[in-house]
Amino acid sequence: MKKRKLKGFVLPTVYIMVISILFVSISILGNVLQSKMNYEEDLSVSALKDNTTPVVKNEDEIDNASQIVKPFTSTAVGISKSYYDMQDDEATQQNSLVYYEQTYLQNSGVLYSSNESFEVISVYDGTVTNVAEDEILGNVVEITHNTNLKTVYYSLGEINVQKDDVVKSGDIIGKSGDNLLDDELDNCLLFEVYYNGNTIDPEDFYNMKIEDLQ
C-alpha cells in the first residue's frame, strides 16, 4: 500500500490558521481585560467624588448664621431720643440732647420707648460681662461680642441673665423699664454700641456686617 504525502502548501496553511486563531484569541482577551480595568477606574473615581466634602458653605448655612438685630422685636417701640451726631443738622442735634438736673447732655446711644412693656434681646452673639444697677439709668447689662465690640442695655425693668452667661443673637436678656432721664417714660431702653472704645449710632450699627467690626 502506498503512503500518501501531504502536498507542500498544506502545512504552511495549517500554521497560518493556528497563528491567526491565537492572535484573535489574544486580542479578545486583551479587550476583555481592558474593559474590566476601565470599569474599576470609573468606580474609583466615583467613590472619590462621592466622598468629597464641599468647602464652600451652601446658602442655607449662610442664612442660618447669626445676624445683627435690633434690641427688641415689638413693633410698638419707637425712638424717643436719637444718637447725638456732630454731623447732623441743628434741629436733629437738639432732639438728641438729654435733659437732666438742669443740664443738657449729648445722647451717646438711642433711647427707645413704648406705651407697653417690651422684651429686650441681645443684638448679637456674645458674653455678658457686666450686670449692674445705676442710680440714674436703672438696671444695666453689658454684652461683649468680640475684643473690639460691646453693647450696653440701660433702664431694664427685669434682667434675665447673669454675668458670664453666653447669649445668642435674639436671646431675651430682660424687659424694658424706666430711668431718671425722662420721668414720663415707664417702658424704655437706652441702648449704646461701643466699637474700639468709641460709641457709634445704633441705627447705623444694625446695617453693618459683623466681620467689619472685628
N, C-alpha and C. Protein backbone atom coordinates (compact mmCIF):
# COMPACT_ATOMS: atom_id res chain seq x y z
N MET A 1 0.85 -1.18 0.00
CA MET A 1 0.00 0.00 0.00
C MET A 1 0.88 1.23 0.00
N LYS A 2 0.55 2.16 -0.86
CA LYS A 2 1.36 3.38 -0.98
C LYS A 2 0.94 4.42 0.04
N LYS A 3 1.97 5.09 0.66
CA LYS A 3 1.70 6.19 1.57
C LYS A 3 1.49 7.46 0.80
N ARG A 4 0.43 8.21 1.27
CA ARG A 4 0.14 9.49 0.62
C ARG A 4 0.93 10.61 1.30
N LYS A 5 1.50 11.44 0.54
CA LYS A 5 2.23 12.58 1.05
C LYS A 5 1.36 13.83 0.99
N LEU A 6 1.49 14.65 2.04
CA LEU A 6 0.75 15.92 2.03
C LEU A 6 1.37 16.84 1.02
N LYS A 7 0.52 17.54 0.39
CA LYS A 7 1.03 18.50 -0.56
C LYS A 7 1.80 19.59 0.15
N GLY A 8 2.67 20.23 -0.53
CA GLY A 8 3.57 21.21 0.09
C GLY A 8 2.90 22.43 0.70
N PHE A 9 1.73 22.83 0.25
CA PHE A 9 1.09 24.06 0.77
C PHE A 9 0.21 23.79 1.99
N VAL A 10 -0.02 22.52 2.33
CA VAL A 10 -0.95 22.20 3.41
C VAL A 10 -0.41 22.62 4.77
N LEU A 11 0.83 22.25 5.10
CA LEU A 11 1.39 22.57 6.42
C LEU A 11 1.50 24.08 6.64
N PRO A 12 2.01 24.84 5.69
CA PRO A 12 2.03 26.31 5.91
C PRO A 12 0.65 26.89 6.15
N THR A 13 -0.35 26.33 5.47
CA THR A 13 -1.71 26.84 5.64
C THR A 13 -2.21 26.56 7.06
N VAL A 14 -1.91 25.36 7.56
CA VAL A 14 -2.32 25.00 8.91
C VAL A 14 -1.65 25.91 9.93
N TYR A 15 -0.34 26.14 9.73
CA TYR A 15 0.38 27.02 10.65
C TYR A 15 -0.23 28.41 10.69
N ILE A 16 -0.56 28.94 9.52
CA ILE A 16 -1.14 30.28 9.44
C ILE A 16 -2.48 30.35 10.15
N MET A 17 -3.30 29.28 9.99
CA MET A 17 -4.61 29.25 10.64
C MET A 17 -4.46 29.21 12.16
N VAL A 18 -3.52 28.41 12.66
CA VAL A 18 -3.30 28.31 14.10
C VAL A 18 -2.84 29.64 14.66
N ILE A 19 -1.90 30.28 13.96
CA ILE A 19 -1.39 31.58 14.42
C ILE A 19 -2.51 32.63 14.42
N SER A 20 -3.37 32.59 13.39
CA SER A 20 -4.49 33.55 13.31
C SER A 20 -5.46 33.37 14.46
N ILE A 21 -5.75 32.09 14.78
CA ILE A 21 -6.67 31.82 15.89
C ILE A 21 -6.09 32.31 17.20
N LEU A 22 -4.77 32.07 17.40
CA LEU A 22 -4.12 32.54 18.63
C LEU A 22 -4.15 34.07 18.72
N PHE A 23 -3.91 34.73 17.61
CA PHE A 23 -3.91 36.19 17.59
C PHE A 23 -5.29 36.76 17.93
N VAL A 24 -6.33 36.16 17.32
CA VAL A 24 -7.70 36.62 17.59
C VAL A 24 -8.06 36.41 19.05
N SER A 25 -7.65 35.25 19.58
CA SER A 25 -7.95 34.94 20.98
C SER A 25 -7.28 35.92 21.93
N ILE A 26 -6.01 36.22 21.61
CA ILE A 26 -5.27 37.17 22.45
C ILE A 26 -5.91 38.56 22.38
N SER A 27 -6.36 38.97 21.20
CA SER A 27 -7.00 40.28 21.04
C SER A 27 -8.29 40.37 21.84
N ILE A 28 -9.09 39.29 21.77
CA ILE A 28 -10.36 39.28 22.50
C ILE A 28 -10.10 39.33 24.00
N LEU A 29 -9.13 38.56 24.49
CA LEU A 29 -8.79 38.54 25.91
C LEU A 29 -8.30 39.92 26.37
N GLY A 30 -7.49 40.56 25.52
CA GLY A 30 -6.99 41.90 25.85
C GLY A 30 -8.11 42.91 25.98
N ASN A 31 -9.07 42.86 25.07
CA ASN A 31 -10.21 43.78 25.13
C ASN A 31 -11.04 43.57 26.39
N VAL A 32 -11.20 42.30 26.76
CA VAL A 32 -11.98 42.00 27.98
C VAL A 32 -11.28 42.56 29.21
N LEU A 33 -9.96 42.33 29.29
CA LEU A 33 -9.21 42.83 30.43
C LEU A 33 -9.22 44.35 30.48
N GLN A 34 -9.09 45.00 29.32
CA GLN A 34 -9.10 46.46 29.27
C GLN A 34 -10.43 47.04 29.73
N SER A 35 -11.54 46.39 29.34
CA SER A 35 -12.87 46.85 29.75
C SER A 35 -13.03 46.74 31.25
N LYS A 36 -12.50 45.65 31.82
CA LYS A 36 -12.61 45.46 33.26
C LYS A 36 -11.81 46.51 34.01
N MET A 37 -10.62 46.85 33.50
CA MET A 37 -9.79 47.87 34.13
C MET A 37 -10.47 49.23 34.09
N ASN A 38 -11.07 49.59 32.96
CA ASN A 38 -11.78 50.88 32.84
C ASN A 38 -12.94 50.95 33.80
N TYR A 39 -13.64 49.83 33.95
CA TYR A 39 -14.79 49.79 34.87
C TYR A 39 -14.36 50.05 36.30
N GLU A 40 -13.23 49.39 36.71
CA GLU A 40 -12.74 49.58 38.06
C GLU A 40 -12.25 51.00 38.30
N GLU A 41 -11.61 51.62 37.24
CA GLU A 41 -11.16 53.00 37.37
C GLU A 41 -12.33 53.94 37.55
N ASP A 42 -13.42 53.69 36.79
CA ASP A 42 -14.61 54.52 36.92
C ASP A 42 -15.18 54.43 38.33
N LEU A 43 -15.16 53.20 38.90
CA LEU A 43 -15.67 53.04 40.26
C LEU A 43 -14.81 53.80 41.24
N SER A 44 -13.50 53.80 41.05
CA SER A 44 -12.60 54.51 41.96
C SER A 44 -12.85 56.00 41.91
N VAL A 45 -13.01 56.56 40.71
CA VAL A 45 -13.26 57.99 40.57
C VAL A 45 -14.59 58.35 41.18
N SER A 46 -15.61 57.51 40.97
CA SER A 46 -16.93 57.78 41.54
C SER A 46 -16.87 57.77 43.06
N ALA A 47 -16.11 56.83 43.62
CA ALA A 47 -16.00 56.75 45.08
C ALA A 47 -15.35 58.00 45.63
N LEU A 48 -14.32 58.50 44.93
CA LEU A 48 -13.67 59.73 45.38
C LEU A 48 -14.61 60.91 45.30
N LYS A 49 -15.39 60.98 44.24
CA LYS A 49 -16.34 62.09 44.07
C LYS A 49 -17.40 62.06 45.16
N ASP A 50 -17.89 60.84 45.47
CA ASP A 50 -18.97 60.73 46.45
C ASP A 50 -18.50 61.13 47.85
N ASN A 51 -17.20 60.90 48.15
CA ASN A 51 -16.69 61.18 49.48
C ASN A 51 -16.11 62.57 49.63
N THR A 52 -16.15 63.36 48.57
CA THR A 52 -15.60 64.71 48.61
C THR A 52 -16.55 65.64 49.32
N THR A 53 -16.08 66.40 50.29
CA THR A 53 -16.90 67.35 51.05
C THR A 53 -16.67 68.76 50.53
N PRO A 54 -17.71 69.48 50.07
CA PRO A 54 -17.52 70.84 49.56
C PRO A 54 -17.04 71.78 50.65
N VAL A 55 -16.09 72.65 50.28
CA VAL A 55 -15.53 73.61 51.23
C VAL A 55 -16.44 74.82 51.37
N VAL A 56 -17.06 75.23 50.27
CA VAL A 56 -17.91 76.41 50.29
C VAL A 56 -19.23 76.12 50.98
N LYS A 57 -19.65 77.02 51.87
CA LYS A 57 -20.92 76.85 52.57
C LYS A 57 -22.09 77.04 51.61
N ASN A 58 -23.16 76.25 51.80
CA ASN A 58 -24.33 76.43 50.97
C ASN A 58 -25.17 77.60 51.48
N GLU A 59 -26.18 77.96 50.73
CA GLU A 59 -27.00 79.13 51.05
C GLU A 59 -27.72 78.96 52.38
N ASP A 60 -28.16 77.72 52.70
CA ASP A 60 -28.89 77.51 53.96
C ASP A 60 -27.99 77.77 55.15
N GLU A 61 -26.71 77.34 55.06
CA GLU A 61 -25.79 77.57 56.17
C GLU A 61 -25.52 79.06 56.36
N ILE A 62 -25.44 79.80 55.25
CA ILE A 62 -25.21 81.24 55.33
C ILE A 62 -26.42 81.93 55.94
N ASP A 63 -27.62 81.50 55.53
CA ASP A 63 -28.84 82.11 56.05
C ASP A 63 -28.99 81.88 57.55
N ASN A 64 -28.47 80.72 58.05
CA ASN A 64 -28.62 80.39 59.45
C ASN A 64 -27.58 81.05 60.35
N ALA A 65 -26.61 81.73 59.74
CA ALA A 65 -25.59 82.41 60.54
C ALA A 65 -26.22 83.55 61.33
N SER A 66 -25.63 83.86 62.50
CA SER A 66 -26.16 84.92 63.35
C SER A 66 -26.09 86.27 62.64
N GLN A 67 -27.11 87.07 62.87
CA GLN A 67 -27.19 88.39 62.27
C GLN A 67 -27.34 89.44 63.36
N ILE A 68 -26.92 90.67 63.04
CA ILE A 68 -27.15 91.79 63.95
C ILE A 68 -28.63 92.15 63.89
N VAL A 69 -29.27 92.25 65.05
CA VAL A 69 -30.69 92.59 65.10
C VAL A 69 -30.89 93.77 66.05
N LYS A 70 -32.06 94.36 66.02
CA LYS A 70 -32.38 95.42 66.96
C LYS A 70 -32.62 94.81 68.34
N PRO A 71 -32.47 95.59 69.41
CA PRO A 71 -32.58 95.02 70.77
C PRO A 71 -34.02 94.79 71.23
N PHE A 72 -34.93 94.72 70.32
CA PHE A 72 -36.34 94.45 70.64
C PHE A 72 -37.02 93.91 69.39
N THR A 73 -38.17 93.29 69.58
CA THR A 73 -38.94 92.76 68.45
C THR A 73 -40.31 93.41 68.33
N SER A 74 -40.75 94.09 69.38
CA SER A 74 -42.08 94.71 69.38
C SER A 74 -42.16 95.84 68.34
N THR A 75 -43.25 95.84 67.60
CA THR A 75 -43.46 96.89 66.60
C THR A 75 -44.00 98.17 67.23
N ALA A 76 -44.30 98.12 68.53
CA ALA A 76 -44.83 99.29 69.22
C ALA A 76 -43.73 100.19 69.77
N VAL A 77 -42.48 99.77 69.60
CA VAL A 77 -41.35 100.54 70.13
C VAL A 77 -40.92 101.61 69.13
N GLY A 78 -40.65 102.82 69.65
CA GLY A 78 -40.19 103.92 68.81
C GLY A 78 -38.99 104.63 69.42
N ILE A 79 -38.45 105.59 68.71
CA ILE A 79 -37.28 106.34 69.19
C ILE A 79 -37.74 107.61 69.89
N SER A 80 -37.34 107.76 71.15
CA SER A 80 -37.63 108.98 71.91
C SER A 80 -36.50 109.99 71.78
N LYS A 81 -35.26 109.49 71.84
CA LYS A 81 -34.09 110.34 71.68
C LYS A 81 -33.09 109.62 70.77
N SER A 82 -32.65 110.33 69.73
CA SER A 82 -31.70 109.73 68.80
C SER A 82 -30.27 109.88 69.29
N TYR A 83 -29.36 109.24 68.61
CA TYR A 83 -27.93 109.34 68.89
C TYR A 83 -27.43 110.73 68.48
N TYR A 84 -26.63 111.35 69.34
CA TYR A 84 -26.11 112.69 69.04
C TYR A 84 -24.91 112.57 68.10
N ASP A 85 -25.06 113.20 66.94
CA ASP A 85 -24.00 113.16 65.92
C ASP A 85 -23.60 114.59 65.57
N MET A 86 -22.32 114.89 65.66
CA MET A 86 -21.82 116.23 65.36
C MET A 86 -22.07 116.63 63.91
N GLN A 87 -22.31 115.64 63.04
CA GLN A 87 -22.52 115.93 61.62
C GLN A 87 -23.98 116.23 61.30
N ASP A 88 -24.87 116.02 62.24
CA ASP A 88 -26.30 116.26 61.99
C ASP A 88 -26.61 117.75 61.99
N ASP A 89 -27.76 118.10 61.44
CA ASP A 89 -28.20 119.49 61.45
C ASP A 89 -28.60 119.89 62.88
N GLU A 90 -28.76 121.18 63.10
CA GLU A 90 -29.01 121.70 64.45
C GLU A 90 -30.29 121.16 65.05
N ALA A 91 -31.34 121.05 64.25
CA ALA A 91 -32.63 120.57 64.76
C ALA A 91 -32.51 119.11 65.24
N THR A 92 -31.80 118.29 64.45
CA THR A 92 -31.62 116.88 64.84
C THR A 92 -30.77 116.77 66.08
N GLN A 93 -29.75 117.62 66.18
CA GLN A 93 -28.90 117.60 67.37
C GLN A 93 -29.67 117.97 68.63
N GLN A 94 -30.55 118.96 68.52
CA GLN A 94 -31.35 119.37 69.68
C GLN A 94 -32.25 118.24 70.16
N ASN A 95 -32.77 117.47 69.20
CA ASN A 95 -33.63 116.35 69.56
C ASN A 95 -32.83 115.18 70.13
N SER A 96 -31.50 115.26 70.04
CA SER A 96 -30.64 114.20 70.55
C SER A 96 -30.03 114.56 71.91
N LEU A 97 -30.46 115.68 72.47
CA LEU A 97 -29.96 116.08 73.78
C LEU A 97 -30.87 115.55 74.89
N VAL A 98 -30.25 115.11 75.97
CA VAL A 98 -30.98 114.59 77.13
C VAL A 98 -30.87 115.62 78.25
N TYR A 99 -32.00 115.98 78.83
CA TYR A 99 -32.02 116.99 79.89
C TYR A 99 -32.10 116.31 81.25
N TYR A 100 -31.11 116.63 82.10
CA TYR A 100 -31.10 116.03 83.44
C TYR A 100 -30.50 117.03 84.42
N GLU A 101 -31.24 117.32 85.49
CA GLU A 101 -30.83 118.25 86.53
C GLU A 101 -30.30 119.56 85.95
N GLN A 102 -31.15 120.18 85.12
CA GLN A 102 -30.87 121.48 84.52
C GLN A 102 -29.61 121.48 83.63
N THR A 103 -29.29 120.29 83.12
CA THR A 103 -28.13 120.18 82.24
C THR A 103 -28.51 119.37 81.00
N TYR A 104 -28.08 119.86 79.82
CA TYR A 104 -28.32 119.13 78.58
C TYR A 104 -27.11 118.24 78.29
N LEU A 105 -27.39 116.97 78.06
CA LEU A 105 -26.33 116.00 77.80
C LEU A 105 -26.48 115.42 76.39
N GLN A 106 -25.36 115.20 75.72
CA GLN A 106 -25.41 114.58 74.40
C GLN A 106 -25.70 113.08 74.55
N ASN A 107 -26.71 112.63 73.84
CA ASN A 107 -27.11 111.22 73.96
C ASN A 107 -26.09 110.33 73.24
N SER A 108 -25.48 109.42 73.98
CA SER A 108 -24.44 108.55 73.42
C SER A 108 -25.01 107.23 72.89
N GLY A 109 -26.33 107.12 72.90
CA GLY A 109 -26.99 105.93 72.36
C GLY A 109 -28.32 106.33 71.76
N VAL A 110 -29.25 105.40 71.76
CA VAL A 110 -30.62 105.68 71.32
C VAL A 110 -31.56 105.30 72.44
N LEU A 111 -32.47 106.21 72.78
CA LEU A 111 -33.48 105.94 73.81
C LEU A 111 -34.75 105.48 73.13
N TYR A 112 -35.09 104.22 73.33
CA TYR A 112 -36.31 103.64 72.76
C TYR A 112 -37.40 103.61 73.84
N SER A 113 -38.65 103.75 73.42
CA SER A 113 -39.75 103.72 74.39
C SER A 113 -41.01 103.15 73.74
N SER A 114 -41.96 102.79 74.61
CA SER A 114 -43.22 102.24 74.16
C SER A 114 -44.28 102.49 75.22
N ASN A 115 -45.53 102.41 74.82
CA ASN A 115 -46.63 102.55 75.77
C ASN A 115 -46.86 101.28 76.58
N GLU A 116 -46.19 100.23 76.20
CA GLU A 116 -46.34 98.96 76.90
C GLU A 116 -44.97 98.32 77.11
N SER A 117 -44.89 97.44 78.07
CA SER A 117 -43.63 96.76 78.35
C SER A 117 -43.22 95.90 77.15
N PHE A 118 -41.91 95.85 76.90
CA PHE A 118 -41.43 95.05 75.77
C PHE A 118 -40.15 94.31 76.18
N GLU A 119 -39.93 93.18 75.52
CA GLU A 119 -38.76 92.36 75.81
C GLU A 119 -37.52 92.96 75.15
N VAL A 120 -36.41 92.90 75.85
CA VAL A 120 -35.13 93.38 75.34
C VAL A 120 -34.27 92.16 74.99
N ILE A 121 -33.70 92.16 73.80
CA ILE A 121 -32.94 90.99 73.33
C ILE A 121 -31.51 91.38 72.97
N SER A 122 -30.64 90.39 72.97
CA SER A 122 -29.26 90.61 72.56
C SER A 122 -29.19 90.85 71.06
N VAL A 123 -28.42 91.83 70.65
CA VAL A 123 -28.37 92.17 69.23
C VAL A 123 -27.44 91.25 68.45
N TYR A 124 -26.57 90.52 69.19
CA TYR A 124 -25.66 89.59 68.52
C TYR A 124 -25.08 88.62 69.55
N ASP A 125 -24.42 87.57 69.07
CA ASP A 125 -23.79 86.59 69.95
C ASP A 125 -22.74 87.27 70.83
N GLY A 126 -22.65 86.83 72.08
CA GLY A 126 -21.64 87.41 72.96
C GLY A 126 -21.69 86.83 74.35
N THR A 127 -20.95 87.45 75.25
CA THR A 127 -20.88 87.04 76.65
C THR A 127 -21.25 88.21 77.54
N VAL A 128 -22.10 87.96 78.53
CA VAL A 128 -22.48 89.01 79.48
C VAL A 128 -21.27 89.31 80.36
N THR A 129 -20.76 90.52 80.25
CA THR A 129 -19.56 90.89 81.01
C THR A 129 -19.85 91.81 82.19
N ASN A 130 -21.09 92.29 82.31
CA ASN A 130 -21.42 93.12 83.47
C ASN A 130 -22.93 93.20 83.65
N VAL A 131 -23.37 93.08 84.88
CA VAL A 131 -24.77 93.30 85.26
C VAL A 131 -24.72 94.19 86.49
N ALA A 132 -25.38 95.36 86.39
CA ALA A 132 -25.27 96.33 87.49
C ALA A 132 -26.54 97.16 87.59
N GLU A 133 -26.56 98.03 88.60
CA GLU A 133 -27.67 98.96 88.79
C GLU A 133 -27.10 100.37 88.88
N ASP A 134 -27.61 101.25 88.02
CA ASP A 134 -27.17 102.64 88.00
C ASP A 134 -28.27 103.52 88.61
N GLU A 135 -27.88 104.45 89.47
CA GLU A 135 -28.86 105.30 90.15
C GLU A 135 -29.68 106.13 89.18
N ILE A 136 -29.10 106.52 88.07
CA ILE A 136 -29.79 107.38 87.11
C ILE A 136 -30.41 106.58 85.97
N LEU A 137 -29.64 105.62 85.44
CA LEU A 137 -30.06 104.90 84.24
C LEU A 137 -30.75 103.57 84.51
N GLY A 138 -30.85 103.17 85.75
CA GLY A 138 -31.54 101.93 86.08
C GLY A 138 -30.65 100.71 85.91
N ASN A 139 -31.27 99.55 85.77
CA ASN A 139 -30.51 98.30 85.63
C ASN A 139 -29.78 98.27 84.29
N VAL A 140 -28.54 97.73 84.34
CA VAL A 140 -27.67 97.74 83.17
C VAL A 140 -27.14 96.33 82.88
N VAL A 141 -27.10 95.98 81.59
CA VAL A 141 -26.47 94.74 81.14
C VAL A 141 -25.48 95.09 80.04
N GLU A 142 -24.26 94.60 80.18
CA GLU A 142 -23.23 94.80 79.17
C GLU A 142 -22.88 93.47 78.53
N ILE A 143 -22.84 93.44 77.20
CA ILE A 143 -22.50 92.22 76.47
C ILE A 143 -21.30 92.50 75.57
N THR A 144 -20.26 91.67 75.70
CA THR A 144 -19.08 91.80 74.86
C THR A 144 -19.19 90.78 73.72
N HIS A 145 -19.09 91.27 72.49
CA HIS A 145 -19.25 90.42 71.30
C HIS A 145 -17.91 89.97 70.73
N ASN A 146 -16.91 90.82 70.78
CA ASN A 146 -15.55 90.44 70.44
C ASN A 146 -14.61 91.44 71.11
N THR A 147 -13.35 91.36 70.82
CA THR A 147 -12.36 92.20 71.51
C THR A 147 -12.67 93.68 71.35
N ASN A 148 -13.23 94.08 70.20
CA ASN A 148 -13.43 95.50 69.91
C ASN A 148 -14.88 95.96 70.00
N LEU A 149 -15.81 95.04 70.21
CA LEU A 149 -17.23 95.40 70.12
C LEU A 149 -18.00 94.98 71.37
N LYS A 150 -18.75 95.92 71.94
CA LYS A 150 -19.65 95.59 73.03
C LYS A 150 -20.91 96.46 72.95
N THR A 151 -21.99 95.96 73.54
CA THR A 151 -23.26 96.70 73.58
C THR A 151 -23.73 96.80 75.02
N VAL A 152 -24.40 97.92 75.33
CA VAL A 152 -24.87 98.16 76.70
C VAL A 152 -26.36 98.48 76.68
N TYR A 153 -27.11 97.83 77.59
CA TYR A 153 -28.56 97.95 77.65
C TYR A 153 -28.93 98.56 79.01
N TYR A 154 -29.40 99.81 78.99
CA TYR A 154 -29.77 100.51 80.23
C TYR A 154 -31.28 100.54 80.42
N SER A 155 -31.68 100.85 81.65
CA SER A 155 -33.09 101.10 82.01
C SER A 155 -33.95 99.85 81.96
N LEU A 156 -33.36 98.69 82.27
CA LEU A 156 -34.12 97.45 82.25
C LEU A 156 -34.95 97.31 83.52
N GLY A 157 -36.21 96.95 83.35
CA GLY A 157 -37.08 96.70 84.50
C GLY A 157 -36.85 95.33 85.08
N GLU A 158 -36.54 94.35 84.21
CA GLU A 158 -36.22 92.99 84.63
C GLU A 158 -34.96 92.54 83.91
N ILE A 159 -34.17 91.69 84.58
CA ILE A 159 -32.96 91.14 83.98
C ILE A 159 -33.02 89.62 84.02
N ASN A 160 -32.82 88.98 82.88
CA ASN A 160 -32.92 87.52 82.78
C ASN A 160 -31.57 86.84 82.64
N VAL A 161 -30.48 87.58 82.71
CA VAL A 161 -29.16 86.99 82.53
C VAL A 161 -28.26 87.33 83.72
N GLN A 162 -27.15 86.62 83.79
CA GLN A 162 -26.15 86.86 84.82
C GLN A 162 -24.78 87.06 84.16
N LYS A 163 -23.88 87.61 84.91
CA LYS A 163 -22.52 87.81 84.41
C LYS A 163 -21.91 86.47 83.98
N ASP A 164 -21.22 86.48 82.86
CA ASP A 164 -20.55 85.32 82.25
C ASP A 164 -21.49 84.42 81.47
N ASP A 165 -22.78 84.76 81.40
CA ASP A 165 -23.70 83.99 80.55
C ASP A 165 -23.32 84.20 79.08
N VAL A 166 -23.42 83.13 78.30
CA VAL A 166 -23.21 83.22 76.85
C VAL A 166 -24.57 83.34 76.18
N VAL A 167 -24.74 84.36 75.35
CA VAL A 167 -26.02 84.61 74.71
C VAL A 167 -25.86 84.59 73.19
N LYS A 168 -26.96 84.34 72.52
CA LYS A 168 -27.01 84.34 71.07
C LYS A 168 -27.84 85.52 70.58
N SER A 169 -27.68 85.82 69.32
CA SER A 169 -28.47 86.88 68.71
C SER A 169 -29.96 86.58 68.87
N GLY A 170 -30.71 87.52 69.47
CA GLY A 170 -32.15 87.33 69.66
C GLY A 170 -32.55 86.78 71.00
N ASP A 171 -31.58 86.38 71.83
CA ASP A 171 -31.91 85.86 73.17
C ASP A 171 -32.47 86.99 74.05
N ILE A 172 -33.48 86.67 74.83
CA ILE A 172 -34.07 87.66 75.74
C ILE A 172 -33.14 87.87 76.93
N ILE A 173 -32.79 89.14 77.19
CA ILE A 173 -31.92 89.43 78.32
C ILE A 173 -32.66 90.20 79.42
N GLY A 174 -33.87 90.66 79.13
CA GLY A 174 -34.63 91.38 80.14
C GLY A 174 -35.86 92.04 79.56
N LYS A 175 -36.42 93.00 80.31
CA LYS A 175 -37.59 93.75 79.87
C LYS A 175 -37.36 95.25 80.06
N SER A 176 -38.10 96.02 79.33
CA SER A 176 -37.98 97.47 79.41
C SER A 176 -38.34 97.97 80.80
N GLY A 177 -37.78 99.15 81.17
CA GLY A 177 -38.07 99.74 82.47
C GLY A 177 -38.05 101.25 82.37
N ASP A 178 -37.55 101.92 83.39
CA ASP A 178 -37.52 103.38 83.37
C ASP A 178 -36.18 103.89 83.86
N ASN A 179 -35.97 105.21 83.77
CA ASN A 179 -34.76 105.84 84.28
C ASN A 179 -35.10 107.27 84.69
N LEU A 180 -34.13 107.99 85.21
CA LEU A 180 -34.37 109.35 85.68
C LEU A 180 -34.13 110.41 84.60
N LEU A 181 -33.73 109.98 83.42
CA LEU A 181 -33.50 110.94 82.34
C LEU A 181 -34.81 111.47 81.79
N ASP A 182 -35.84 110.65 81.83
CA ASP A 182 -37.15 111.06 81.32
C ASP A 182 -38.21 110.40 82.19
N ASP A 183 -38.74 111.17 83.12
CA ASP A 183 -39.71 110.63 84.09
C ASP A 183 -41.03 110.23 83.45
N GLU A 184 -41.26 110.70 82.21
CA GLU A 184 -42.53 110.41 81.57
C GLU A 184 -42.56 109.01 80.94
N LEU A 185 -41.40 108.38 80.80
CA LEU A 185 -41.32 107.08 80.14
C LEU A 185 -41.22 105.95 81.16
N ASP A 186 -42.21 105.07 81.16
CA ASP A 186 -42.20 103.92 82.06
C ASP A 186 -41.64 102.67 81.38
N ASN A 187 -41.67 102.64 80.05
CA ASN A 187 -41.21 101.48 79.30
C ASN A 187 -40.18 101.94 78.27
N CYS A 188 -38.93 101.93 78.67
CA CYS A 188 -37.91 102.44 77.76
C CYS A 188 -36.65 101.58 77.82
N LEU A 189 -35.75 101.85 76.90
CA LEU A 189 -34.46 101.18 76.81
C LEU A 189 -33.47 102.17 76.23
N LEU A 190 -32.41 102.43 76.96
CA LEU A 190 -31.31 103.24 76.43
C LEU A 190 -30.24 102.27 75.96
N PHE A 191 -29.95 102.29 74.67
CA PHE A 191 -29.05 101.30 74.07
C PHE A 191 -27.83 101.98 73.48
N GLU A 192 -26.64 101.47 73.85
CA GLU A 192 -25.39 102.03 73.35
C GLU A 192 -24.54 100.95 72.68
N VAL A 193 -23.77 101.36 71.67
CA VAL A 193 -22.85 100.46 70.97
C VAL A 193 -21.45 101.06 71.04
N TYR A 194 -20.48 100.26 71.50
CA TYR A 194 -19.09 100.72 71.59
C TYR A 194 -18.22 99.88 70.66
N TYR A 195 -17.50 100.57 69.79
CA TYR A 195 -16.56 99.91 68.88
C TYR A 195 -15.19 100.58 69.03
N ASN A 196 -14.21 99.80 69.41
CA ASN A 196 -12.87 100.32 69.70
C ASN A 196 -12.90 101.44 70.74
N GLY A 197 -13.81 101.30 71.71
CA GLY A 197 -13.88 102.26 72.79
C GLY A 197 -14.70 103.50 72.50
N ASN A 198 -15.19 103.65 71.28
CA ASN A 198 -15.99 104.82 70.89
C ASN A 198 -17.42 104.41 70.59
N THR A 199 -18.37 105.30 70.89
CA THR A 199 -19.77 104.99 70.60
C THR A 199 -20.05 105.21 69.12
N ILE A 200 -20.95 104.39 68.58
CA ILE A 200 -21.44 104.57 67.22
C ILE A 200 -22.95 104.57 67.26
N ASP A 201 -23.57 105.16 66.26
CA ASP A 201 -25.03 105.24 66.21
C ASP A 201 -25.62 103.84 66.07
N PRO A 202 -26.43 103.41 67.03
CA PRO A 202 -27.05 102.08 66.93
C PRO A 202 -27.85 101.89 65.65
N GLU A 203 -28.49 102.95 65.18
CA GLU A 203 -29.30 102.82 63.96
C GLU A 203 -28.42 102.54 62.74
N ASP A 204 -27.16 102.94 62.77
CA ASP A 204 -26.21 102.58 61.71
C ASP A 204 -25.67 101.18 61.95
N PHE A 205 -25.48 100.84 63.20
CA PHE A 205 -24.92 99.55 63.59
C PHE A 205 -25.75 98.37 63.07
N TYR A 206 -27.07 98.50 63.07
CA TYR A 206 -27.94 97.40 62.64
C TYR A 206 -27.69 97.00 61.19
N ASN A 207 -27.19 97.93 60.38
CA ASN A 207 -26.97 97.66 58.95
C ASN A 207 -25.53 97.28 58.64
N MET A 208 -24.70 97.13 59.66
CA MET A 208 -23.30 96.79 59.44
C MET A 208 -23.11 95.27 59.40
N LYS A 209 -21.97 94.86 58.87
CA LYS A 209 -21.59 93.45 58.85
C LYS A 209 -20.65 93.18 60.02
N ILE A 210 -20.92 92.11 60.74
CA ILE A 210 -20.14 91.83 61.93
C ILE A 210 -18.67 91.59 61.61
N GLU A 211 -18.37 91.06 60.40
CA GLU A 211 -16.97 90.81 60.05
C GLU A 211 -16.18 92.10 59.87
N ASP A 212 -16.90 93.22 59.67
CA ASP A 212 -16.23 94.52 59.55
C ASP A 212 -15.99 95.16 60.91
N LEU A 213 -16.47 94.53 61.98
CA LEU A 213 -16.35 95.09 63.33
C LEU A 213 -15.48 94.20 64.23
N GLN A 214 -14.58 93.45 63.61
CA GLN A 214 -13.69 92.57 64.39
C GLN A 214 -12.52 93.37 64.96
